[in-house]
């Protein structure tokens, strides 16, 4: 079950307070291919080992947050900066 529109309307990046939107399927695929290559880290520098099944991205396309079991993980340190993904 996807995240409800009502929830998306109230969520924002914990650092920048920018609104978020669902991460598109093509960008999710690109992100997961980079994760599989071992080239993606979170804001703390931890290399990601698990792909995302869903994600949300800030409206300025700077940070991605994962969604686990329909729950957005909105912890600042777990955000994924998009500047490390060419073509984002």
N, C-alpha and C. Protein backbone atom coordinates (compact mmCIF):
# COMPACT_ATOMS: atom_id res chain seq x y z
N UNK A 1 0.84 -1.18 0.00
CA UNK A 1 0.00 0.00 0.00
C UNK A 1 0.89 1.24 0.00
N UNK A 2 0.72 2.12 -0.97
CA UNK A 2 1.54 3.33 -1.01
C UNK A 2 1.17 4.30 0.11
N UNK A 3 2.07 5.22 0.33
CA UNK A 3 1.83 6.27 1.34
C UNK A 3 0.66 7.13 0.88
N UNK A 4 -0.17 7.52 1.82
CA UNK A 4 -1.33 8.34 1.48
C UNK A 4 -0.91 9.76 1.09
N UNK A 5 -1.71 10.36 0.26
CA UNK A 5 -1.46 11.75 -0.16
C UNK A 5 -1.50 12.69 1.04
N UNK A 6 -2.37 12.40 2.01
CA UNK A 6 -2.47 13.25 3.20
C UNK A 6 -1.16 13.25 3.98
N UNK A 7 -0.55 12.07 4.10
CA UNK A 7 0.73 11.98 4.81
C UNK A 7 1.82 12.70 4.03
N UNK A 8 1.86 12.52 2.72
CA UNK A 8 2.87 13.20 1.91
C UNK A 8 2.78 14.72 2.05
N UNK A 9 1.58 15.23 2.20
CA UNK A 9 1.38 16.68 2.32
C UNK A 9 1.99 17.25 3.59
N UNK A 10 2.10 16.45 4.65
CA UNK A 10 2.63 16.98 5.90
C UNK A 10 4.10 16.62 6.15
N UNK A 11 4.63 15.68 5.38
CA UNK A 11 6.04 15.30 5.55
C UNK A 11 6.96 16.35 4.95
N UNK A 12 8.12 16.51 5.57
CA UNK A 12 9.15 17.39 5.01
C UNK A 12 10.51 16.89 5.47
N UNK A 13 11.54 17.34 4.77
CA UNK A 13 12.91 16.99 5.12
C UNK A 13 13.22 17.52 6.52
N UNK A 14 13.77 16.69 7.40
CA UNK A 14 14.07 17.16 8.76
C UNK A 14 15.17 18.22 8.80
N UNK A 15 15.99 18.30 7.78
CA UNK A 15 17.07 19.30 7.75
C UNK A 15 16.65 20.60 7.09
N UNK A 16 16.11 20.50 5.89
CA UNK A 16 15.81 21.70 5.11
C UNK A 16 14.36 22.15 5.22
N UNK A 17 13.51 21.27 5.73
CA UNK A 17 12.06 21.52 5.82
C UNK A 17 11.39 21.61 4.45
N UNK A 18 12.07 21.14 3.39
CA UNK A 18 11.49 21.09 2.05
C UNK A 18 10.44 19.99 2.00
N UNK A 19 9.33 20.22 1.29
CA UNK A 19 8.32 19.16 1.11
C UNK A 19 8.92 17.98 0.34
N UNK A 20 8.26 16.85 0.44
CA UNK A 20 8.72 15.64 -0.25
C UNK A 20 7.63 15.12 -1.18
N UNK A 21 8.06 14.28 -2.11
CA UNK A 21 7.15 13.61 -3.04
C UNK A 21 7.67 12.20 -3.24
N UNK A 22 6.85 11.35 -3.82
CA UNK A 22 7.27 9.97 -4.08
C UNK A 22 8.41 9.96 -5.09
N UNK A 23 9.35 9.07 -4.90
CA UNK A 23 10.44 8.87 -5.84
C UNK A 23 9.92 8.07 -7.02
N UNK A 24 10.15 8.54 -8.22
CA UNK A 24 9.64 7.86 -9.42
C UNK A 24 10.31 6.51 -9.61
N UNK A 25 9.64 5.63 -10.32
CA UNK A 25 10.15 4.27 -10.56
C UNK A 25 11.48 4.29 -11.29
N UNK A 26 11.67 5.18 -12.27
CA UNK A 26 12.93 5.21 -13.00
C UNK A 26 14.07 5.70 -12.12
N UNK A 27 13.82 6.66 -11.25
CA UNK A 27 14.88 7.14 -10.35
C UNK A 27 15.17 6.11 -9.26
N UNK A 28 14.15 5.40 -8.82
CA UNK A 28 14.35 4.33 -7.85
C UNK A 28 15.23 3.24 -8.46
N UNK A 29 14.97 2.90 -9.69
CA UNK A 29 15.78 1.89 -10.39
C UNK A 29 17.23 2.35 -10.52
N UNK A 30 17.44 3.60 -10.88
CA UNK A 30 18.79 4.15 -11.00
C UNK A 30 19.50 4.13 -9.65
N UNK A 31 18.82 4.57 -8.61
CA UNK A 31 19.40 4.56 -7.26
C UNK A 31 19.78 3.14 -6.85
N UNK A 32 18.88 2.19 -7.05
CA UNK A 32 19.16 0.81 -6.64
C UNK A 32 20.32 0.20 -7.42
N UNK A 33 20.48 0.58 -8.67
CA UNK A 33 21.62 0.05 -9.43
C UNK A 33 22.93 0.60 -8.87
N UNK A 34 22.93 1.85 -8.42
CA UNK A 34 24.13 2.44 -7.81
C UNK A 34 24.40 1.84 -6.43
N UNK A 35 23.32 1.53 -5.70
CA UNK A 35 23.49 0.86 -4.40
C UNK A 35 24.12 -0.51 -4.62
N UNK A 36 23.65 -1.24 -5.62
CA UNK A 36 24.20 -2.57 -5.92
C UNK A 36 25.68 -2.50 -6.28
N UNK A 37 26.09 -1.37 -6.89
CA UNK A 37 27.50 -1.17 -7.24
C UNK A 37 28.34 -0.73 -6.04
N UNK A 38 27.69 -0.49 -4.89
CA UNK A 38 28.41 -0.06 -3.69
C UNK A 38 28.86 1.38 -3.74
N UNK A 39 28.14 2.22 -4.48
CA UNK A 39 28.57 3.60 -4.70
C UNK A 39 27.70 4.64 -4.02
N UNK A 40 26.78 4.23 -3.16
CA UNK A 40 25.86 5.18 -2.55
C UNK A 40 26.00 5.14 -1.03
N UNK A 41 26.08 6.32 -0.44
CA UNK A 41 26.16 6.41 1.02
C UNK A 41 25.09 7.36 1.53
N UNK A 42 24.80 7.24 2.82
CA UNK A 42 23.85 8.16 3.44
C UNK A 42 24.59 9.42 3.88
N UNK A 43 23.89 10.33 4.53
CA UNK A 43 24.49 11.61 4.94
C UNK A 43 25.63 11.44 5.93
N UNK A 44 25.67 10.32 6.64
CA UNK A 44 26.76 10.07 7.59
C UNK A 44 27.95 9.38 6.94
N UNK A 45 27.84 9.04 5.65
CA UNK A 45 28.93 8.39 4.95
C UNK A 45 28.89 6.88 4.97
N UNK A 46 27.84 6.30 5.51
CA UNK A 46 27.69 4.84 5.54
C UNK A 46 27.27 4.35 4.16
N UNK A 47 28.02 3.40 3.61
CA UNK A 47 27.68 2.81 2.32
C UNK A 47 26.41 1.99 2.47
N UNK A 48 25.44 2.22 1.59
CA UNK A 48 24.19 1.47 1.64
C UNK A 48 24.38 0.09 1.05
N UNK A 49 23.80 -0.90 1.70
CA UNK A 49 23.91 -2.28 1.24
C UNK A 49 22.57 -2.83 0.77
N UNK A 50 21.47 -2.23 1.22
CA UNK A 50 20.13 -2.71 0.86
C UNK A 50 19.47 -1.75 -0.11
N UNK A 51 18.87 -2.31 -1.16
CA UNK A 51 18.14 -1.47 -2.11
C UNK A 51 16.84 -0.99 -1.47
N UNK A 52 16.24 0.00 -2.06
CA UNK A 52 14.97 0.54 -1.59
C UNK A 52 13.83 -0.07 -2.38
N UNK A 53 12.73 -0.36 -1.70
CA UNK A 53 11.53 -0.80 -2.41
C UNK A 53 10.68 0.41 -2.78
N UNK A 54 10.76 1.45 -1.96
CA UNK A 54 10.08 2.72 -2.22
C UNK A 54 10.92 3.82 -1.59
N UNK A 55 10.69 5.03 -2.06
CA UNK A 55 11.38 6.16 -1.47
C UNK A 55 10.63 7.46 -1.69
N UNK A 56 11.00 8.45 -0.92
CA UNK A 56 10.50 9.80 -1.13
C UNK A 56 11.70 10.71 -1.33
N UNK A 57 11.49 11.78 -2.06
CA UNK A 57 12.57 12.70 -2.40
C UNK A 57 12.09 14.12 -2.13
N UNK A 58 13.00 14.96 -1.68
CA UNK A 58 12.62 16.35 -1.45
C UNK A 58 12.26 16.99 -2.79
N UNK A 59 11.37 17.97 -2.74
CA UNK A 59 10.92 18.61 -3.98
C UNK A 59 12.05 19.30 -4.73
N UNK A 60 13.14 19.65 -4.05
CA UNK A 60 14.29 20.22 -4.74
C UNK A 60 15.25 19.15 -5.25
N UNK A 61 14.85 17.88 -5.11
CA UNK A 61 15.61 16.71 -5.59
C UNK A 61 17.01 16.58 -5.00
N UNK A 62 17.18 17.00 -3.76
CA UNK A 62 18.49 16.95 -3.13
C UNK A 62 18.70 15.74 -2.21
N UNK A 63 17.61 15.23 -1.61
CA UNK A 63 17.74 14.15 -0.63
C UNK A 63 16.61 13.14 -0.80
N UNK A 64 17.00 11.86 -0.69
CA UNK A 64 16.05 10.75 -0.76
C UNK A 64 15.97 10.11 0.63
N UNK A 65 14.75 9.73 1.01
CA UNK A 65 14.52 8.98 2.25
C UNK A 65 13.83 7.68 1.88
N UNK A 66 14.24 6.62 2.52
CA UNK A 66 13.65 5.32 2.22
C UNK A 66 12.30 5.17 2.90
N UNK A 67 11.51 4.26 2.38
CA UNK A 67 10.24 3.87 2.97
C UNK A 67 10.35 2.39 3.27
N UNK A 68 10.19 2.03 4.53
CA UNK A 68 10.25 0.63 4.96
C UNK A 68 8.89 0.22 5.50
N UNK A 69 8.29 -0.81 4.91
CA UNK A 69 6.98 -1.31 5.35
C UNK A 69 5.95 -0.19 5.41
N UNK A 70 5.94 0.66 4.37
CA UNK A 70 5.01 1.78 4.25
C UNK A 70 5.24 2.89 5.28
N UNK A 71 6.41 2.89 5.92
CA UNK A 71 6.73 3.91 6.91
C UNK A 71 7.94 4.70 6.41
N UNK A 72 7.79 6.00 6.17
CA UNK A 72 8.92 6.82 5.76
C UNK A 72 9.94 6.93 6.89
N UNK A 73 11.20 6.70 6.56
CA UNK A 73 12.28 6.81 7.54
C UNK A 73 12.88 8.21 7.36
N UNK A 74 12.40 9.13 8.17
CA UNK A 74 12.75 10.55 8.01
C UNK A 74 13.81 10.99 9.02
N UNK A 75 14.84 10.19 9.19
CA UNK A 75 15.95 10.55 10.06
C UNK A 75 17.01 11.26 9.21
N UNK A 76 17.45 12.42 9.65
CA UNK A 76 18.38 13.23 8.87
C UNK A 76 19.62 12.44 8.46
N UNK A 77 20.16 11.67 9.37
CA UNK A 77 21.40 10.94 9.09
C UNK A 77 21.23 9.82 8.07
N UNK A 78 20.01 9.36 7.85
CA UNK A 78 19.79 8.29 6.88
C UNK A 78 19.40 8.81 5.50
N UNK A 79 19.29 10.12 5.35
CA UNK A 79 18.99 10.69 4.05
C UNK A 79 20.09 10.36 3.04
N UNK A 80 19.70 10.23 1.79
CA UNK A 80 20.64 9.88 0.73
C UNK A 80 20.81 11.10 -0.17
N UNK A 81 21.98 11.74 -0.15
CA UNK A 81 22.20 12.89 -1.02
C UNK A 81 22.22 12.46 -2.50
N UNK A 82 21.50 13.18 -3.33
CA UNK A 82 21.42 12.80 -4.73
C UNK A 82 22.60 13.28 -5.56
N UNK A 83 23.46 14.13 -4.99
CA UNK A 83 24.60 14.63 -5.77
C UNK A 83 25.62 13.54 -6.07
N UNK A 84 25.48 12.37 -5.48
CA UNK A 84 26.38 11.26 -5.75
C UNK A 84 25.85 10.32 -6.84
N UNK A 85 24.71 10.70 -7.43
CA UNK A 85 24.07 9.88 -8.46
C UNK A 85 24.02 10.67 -9.76
N UNK A 86 24.87 10.31 -10.69
CA UNK A 86 24.89 11.00 -11.98
C UNK A 86 23.56 10.80 -12.71
N UNK A 87 23.03 11.84 -13.24
CA UNK A 87 21.78 11.77 -13.97
C UNK A 87 20.54 12.03 -13.13
N UNK A 88 20.73 12.35 -11.87
CA UNK A 88 19.59 12.63 -11.01
C UNK A 88 19.26 14.10 -11.16
